[in-house]
Amino acid sequence: MQWTAYEIFSVISGLILIGVTFAPGLSLKNRAYALLGGAFFTGYGFYVANQTSGTFEFPVYIFVIPAVAVLYLLYKLFGGAGGSSAG
């Protein structure tokens, strides 16, 4: 296996998304998306690390997806569903 920063970041992102599935207050749908996304990124990181041809390039835009997913889940977790009324 050839581990570079790209593969390591993909695996770490996947593990973070899998960890988010245990956060309290998330709906079943959000938990499922976090788990599926986490499994994808973890598996994809290992898949790319196993490439031996040397011609595979890791797409840089893939690093945006876990960050957006975690931010979205945190938004939903900490009151993004409605807002508070200051009355």
N, C-alpha and C. Protein backbone atom coordinates (compact mmCIF):
# COMPACT_ATOMS: atom_id res chain seq x y z
N MET A 1 0.83 -1.18 0.00
CA MET A 1 0.00 0.00 0.00
C MET A 1 0.88 1.24 0.00
N GLN A 2 0.40 2.24 -0.69
CA GLN A 2 1.09 3.52 -0.73
C GLN A 2 0.19 4.57 -0.07
N TRP A 3 0.58 5.01 1.11
CA TRP A 3 -0.21 5.97 1.86
C TRP A 3 0.37 7.36 1.69
N THR A 4 -0.45 8.25 1.14
CA THR A 4 -0.09 9.66 1.06
C THR A 4 -1.11 10.42 1.91
N ALA A 5 -0.95 11.72 1.94
CA ALA A 5 -1.87 12.55 2.72
C ALA A 5 -3.31 12.41 2.22
N TYR A 6 -3.49 12.20 0.92
CA TYR A 6 -4.84 12.08 0.36
C TYR A 6 -5.57 10.86 0.91
N GLU A 7 -4.90 9.72 0.89
CA GLU A 7 -5.52 8.49 1.37
C GLU A 7 -5.78 8.56 2.87
N ILE A 8 -4.83 9.09 3.60
CA ILE A 8 -4.98 9.21 5.05
C ILE A 8 -6.15 10.13 5.38
N PHE A 9 -6.25 11.25 4.67
CA PHE A 9 -7.33 12.19 4.93
C PHE A 9 -8.68 11.56 4.59
N SER A 10 -8.74 10.79 3.54
CA SER A 10 -9.99 10.13 3.17
C SER A 10 -10.43 9.15 4.25
N VAL A 11 -9.50 8.37 4.77
CA VAL A 11 -9.85 7.41 5.83
C VAL A 11 -10.26 8.14 7.10
N ILE A 12 -9.54 9.18 7.47
CA ILE A 12 -9.90 9.95 8.67
C ILE A 12 -11.27 10.60 8.50
N SER A 13 -11.54 11.14 7.32
CA SER A 13 -12.86 11.75 7.06
C SER A 13 -13.96 10.71 7.19
N GLY A 14 -13.71 9.53 6.66
CA GLY A 14 -14.69 8.45 6.76
C GLY A 14 -14.95 8.05 8.20
N LEU A 15 -13.89 7.94 8.98
CA LEU A 15 -14.05 7.57 10.38
C LEU A 15 -14.79 8.64 11.18
N ILE A 16 -14.54 9.90 10.84
CA ILE A 16 -15.26 11.00 11.50
C ILE A 16 -16.75 10.92 11.17
N LEU A 17 -17.07 10.68 9.91
CA LEU A 17 -18.48 10.56 9.53
C LEU A 17 -19.14 9.37 10.21
N ILE A 18 -18.42 8.27 10.33
CA ILE A 18 -18.97 7.11 11.03
C ILE A 18 -19.20 7.46 12.50
N GLY A 19 -18.28 8.20 13.09
CA GLY A 19 -18.45 8.63 14.48
C GLY A 19 -19.64 9.55 14.67
N VAL A 20 -19.94 10.35 13.67
CA VAL A 20 -21.08 11.28 13.76
C VAL A 20 -22.40 10.52 13.86
N THR A 21 -22.44 9.30 13.36
CA THR A 21 -23.69 8.53 13.44
C THR A 21 -24.13 8.29 14.88
N PHE A 22 -23.21 8.40 15.83
CA PHE A 22 -23.54 8.18 17.23
C PHE A 22 -23.90 9.47 17.97
N ALA A 23 -23.94 10.58 17.26
CA ALA A 23 -24.29 11.86 17.89
C ALA A 23 -25.77 11.85 18.24
N PRO A 24 -26.11 12.34 19.42
CA PRO A 24 -27.53 12.36 19.82
C PRO A 24 -28.31 13.42 19.04
N GLY A 25 -29.57 13.14 18.82
CA GLY A 25 -30.45 14.11 18.21
C GLY A 25 -30.54 14.07 16.70
N LEU A 26 -29.84 13.18 16.04
CA LEU A 26 -29.92 13.09 14.59
C LEU A 26 -31.04 12.15 14.17
N SER A 27 -31.64 12.45 13.04
CA SER A 27 -32.68 11.57 12.53
C SER A 27 -32.05 10.31 11.95
N LEU A 28 -32.87 9.31 11.74
CA LEU A 28 -32.39 8.05 11.18
C LEU A 28 -31.82 8.26 9.77
N LYS A 29 -32.44 9.16 9.02
CA LYS A 29 -31.97 9.47 7.67
C LYS A 29 -30.56 10.08 7.70
N ASN A 30 -30.34 11.04 8.59
CA ASN A 30 -29.02 11.66 8.70
C ASN A 30 -27.97 10.67 9.19
N ARG A 31 -28.36 9.79 10.11
CA ARG A 31 -27.44 8.76 10.57
C ARG A 31 -27.05 7.82 9.44
N ALA A 32 -28.04 7.45 8.63
CA ALA A 32 -27.77 6.54 7.51
C ALA A 32 -26.84 7.20 6.49
N TYR A 33 -27.07 8.47 6.19
CA TYR A 33 -26.19 9.18 5.24
C TYR A 33 -24.76 9.29 5.79
N ALA A 34 -24.64 9.57 7.08
CA ALA A 34 -23.31 9.68 7.68
C ALA A 34 -22.60 8.34 7.66
N LEU A 35 -23.32 7.27 7.96
CA LEU A 35 -22.71 5.94 7.96
C LEU A 35 -22.31 5.52 6.55
N LEU A 36 -23.19 5.72 5.59
CA LEU A 36 -22.86 5.35 4.20
C LEU A 36 -21.70 6.19 3.66
N GLY A 37 -21.73 7.48 3.93
CA GLY A 37 -20.64 8.34 3.48
C GLY A 37 -19.32 7.98 4.14
N GLY A 38 -19.37 7.70 5.43
CA GLY A 38 -18.16 7.30 6.14
C GLY A 38 -17.59 6.00 5.62
N ALA A 39 -18.46 5.03 5.35
CA ALA A 39 -17.99 3.76 4.80
C ALA A 39 -17.39 3.96 3.41
N PHE A 40 -18.00 4.85 2.61
CA PHE A 40 -17.47 5.12 1.27
C PHE A 40 -16.08 5.73 1.34
N PHE A 41 -15.91 6.77 2.15
CA PHE A 41 -14.61 7.44 2.23
C PHE A 41 -13.53 6.55 2.81
N THR A 42 -13.89 5.74 3.80
CA THR A 42 -12.90 4.83 4.37
C THR A 42 -12.50 3.79 3.34
N GLY A 43 -13.48 3.20 2.68
CA GLY A 43 -13.18 2.20 1.66
C GLY A 43 -12.43 2.78 0.48
N TYR A 44 -12.81 3.98 0.08
CA TYR A 44 -12.15 4.63 -1.06
C TYR A 44 -10.68 4.94 -0.74
N GLY A 45 -10.42 5.35 0.49
CA GLY A 45 -9.04 5.61 0.90
C GLY A 45 -8.19 4.37 0.82
N PHE A 46 -8.72 3.25 1.31
CA PHE A 46 -7.98 1.98 1.22
C PHE A 46 -7.84 1.52 -0.23
N TYR A 47 -8.89 1.72 -1.03
CA TYR A 47 -8.83 1.34 -2.44
C TYR A 47 -7.73 2.09 -3.18
N VAL A 48 -7.65 3.39 -2.97
CA VAL A 48 -6.64 4.20 -3.65
C VAL A 48 -5.25 3.84 -3.14
N ALA A 49 -5.13 3.55 -1.84
CA ALA A 49 -3.83 3.19 -1.29
C ALA A 49 -3.33 1.88 -1.88
N ASN A 50 -4.23 1.01 -2.32
CA ASN A 50 -3.85 -0.28 -2.89
C ASN A 50 -3.51 -0.19 -4.38
N GLN A 51 -3.70 0.97 -5.01
CA GLN A 51 -3.40 1.11 -6.43
C GLN A 51 -1.90 0.96 -6.66
N THR A 52 -1.54 0.12 -7.62
CA THR A 52 -0.12 -0.11 -7.89
C THR A 52 0.30 0.40 -9.26
N SER A 53 -0.65 0.86 -10.07
CA SER A 53 -0.30 1.28 -11.42
C SER A 53 0.45 2.61 -11.45
N GLY A 54 0.20 3.45 -10.47
CA GLY A 54 0.86 4.75 -10.43
C GLY A 54 0.21 5.78 -11.32
N THR A 55 -0.88 5.42 -11.98
CA THR A 55 -1.54 6.36 -12.88
C THR A 55 -2.81 6.94 -12.27
N PHE A 56 -3.24 6.43 -11.13
CA PHE A 56 -4.47 6.92 -10.53
C PHE A 56 -4.21 8.22 -9.79
N GLU A 57 -5.03 9.21 -10.05
CA GLU A 57 -4.92 10.49 -9.37
C GLU A 57 -6.11 10.66 -8.44
N PHE A 58 -5.84 11.07 -7.23
CA PHE A 58 -6.89 11.27 -6.24
C PHE A 58 -7.56 12.61 -6.51
N PRO A 59 -8.88 12.62 -6.74
CA PRO A 59 -9.55 13.90 -7.00
C PRO A 59 -9.58 14.79 -5.76
N VAL A 60 -9.09 15.98 -5.91
CA VAL A 60 -8.97 16.89 -4.77
C VAL A 60 -10.34 17.35 -4.27
N TYR A 61 -11.32 17.46 -5.16
CA TYR A 61 -12.63 17.94 -4.75
C TYR A 61 -13.31 17.01 -3.75
N ILE A 62 -12.85 15.79 -3.64
CA ILE A 62 -13.47 14.84 -2.71
C ILE A 62 -13.30 15.27 -1.26
N PHE A 63 -12.35 16.15 -0.97
CA PHE A 63 -12.14 16.60 0.40
C PHE A 63 -13.20 17.61 0.84
N VAL A 64 -13.91 18.18 -0.07
CA VAL A 64 -14.96 19.13 0.27
C VAL A 64 -16.19 18.40 0.82
N ILE A 65 -16.47 17.22 0.30
CA ILE A 65 -17.69 16.50 0.65
C ILE A 65 -17.76 16.15 2.13
N PRO A 66 -16.72 15.56 2.76
CA PRO A 66 -16.85 15.25 4.19
C PRO A 66 -17.00 16.50 5.05
N ALA A 67 -16.32 17.56 4.70
CA ALA A 67 -16.42 18.79 5.49
C ALA A 67 -17.84 19.34 5.42
N VAL A 68 -18.42 19.36 4.25
CA VAL A 68 -19.80 19.85 4.10
C VAL A 68 -20.76 18.93 4.84
N ALA A 69 -20.55 17.63 4.77
CA ALA A 69 -21.44 16.69 5.45
C ALA A 69 -21.38 16.87 6.96
N VAL A 70 -20.19 17.01 7.51
CA VAL A 70 -20.06 17.18 8.95
C VAL A 70 -20.66 18.52 9.38
N LEU A 71 -20.42 19.57 8.63
CA LEU A 71 -21.02 20.87 8.95
C LEU A 71 -22.54 20.82 8.90
N TYR A 72 -23.08 20.13 7.89
CA TYR A 72 -24.54 20.00 7.78
C TYR A 72 -25.10 19.23 8.98
N LEU A 73 -24.45 18.13 9.35
CA LEU A 73 -24.94 17.34 10.47
C LEU A 73 -24.84 18.11 11.79
N LEU A 74 -23.77 18.88 11.96
CA LEU A 74 -23.66 19.71 13.16
C LEU A 74 -24.72 20.79 13.18
N TYR A 75 -25.02 21.36 12.01
CA TYR A 75 -26.08 22.37 11.90
C TYR A 75 -27.43 21.77 12.32
N LYS A 76 -27.71 20.57 11.83
CA LYS A 76 -28.96 19.91 12.18
C LYS A 76 -28.98 19.52 13.66
N LEU A 77 -27.85 19.13 14.19
CA LEU A 77 -27.76 18.69 15.57
C LEU A 77 -27.96 19.84 16.55
N PHE A 78 -27.41 21.00 16.24
CA PHE A 78 -27.45 22.12 17.18
C PHE A 78 -28.49 23.17 16.81
N GLY A 79 -29.66 22.73 16.40
CA GLY A 79 -30.79 23.64 16.27
C GLY A 79 -30.98 24.26 14.91
N GLY A 80 -30.51 23.65 13.87
CA GLY A 80 -30.74 24.19 12.54
C GLY A 80 -32.13 23.93 12.03
N ALA A 81 -32.92 23.16 12.75
CA ALA A 81 -34.25 22.81 12.28
C ALA A 81 -35.25 23.95 12.46
N GLY A 82 -35.02 24.86 13.37
CA GLY A 82 -36.04 25.90 13.56
C GLY A 82 -35.47 27.23 13.97
N GLY A 83 -34.74 27.24 15.02
CA GLY A 83 -34.24 28.51 15.54
C GLY A 83 -34.94 28.83 16.85
N SER A 84 -34.39 29.76 17.55
CA SER A 84 -34.98 30.11 18.84
C SER A 84 -35.72 31.44 18.72
N SER A 85 -36.72 31.56 19.56
CA SER A 85 -37.45 32.83 19.54
C SER A 85 -37.04 33.65 20.75
N ALA A 86 -36.64 34.85 20.47
CA ALA A 86 -36.27 35.76 21.56
C ALA A 86 -37.47 36.62 21.85
N GLY A 87 -38.16 36.27 22.94
CA GLY A 87 -39.39 36.92 23.10
C GLY A 87 -39.66 37.84 24.12
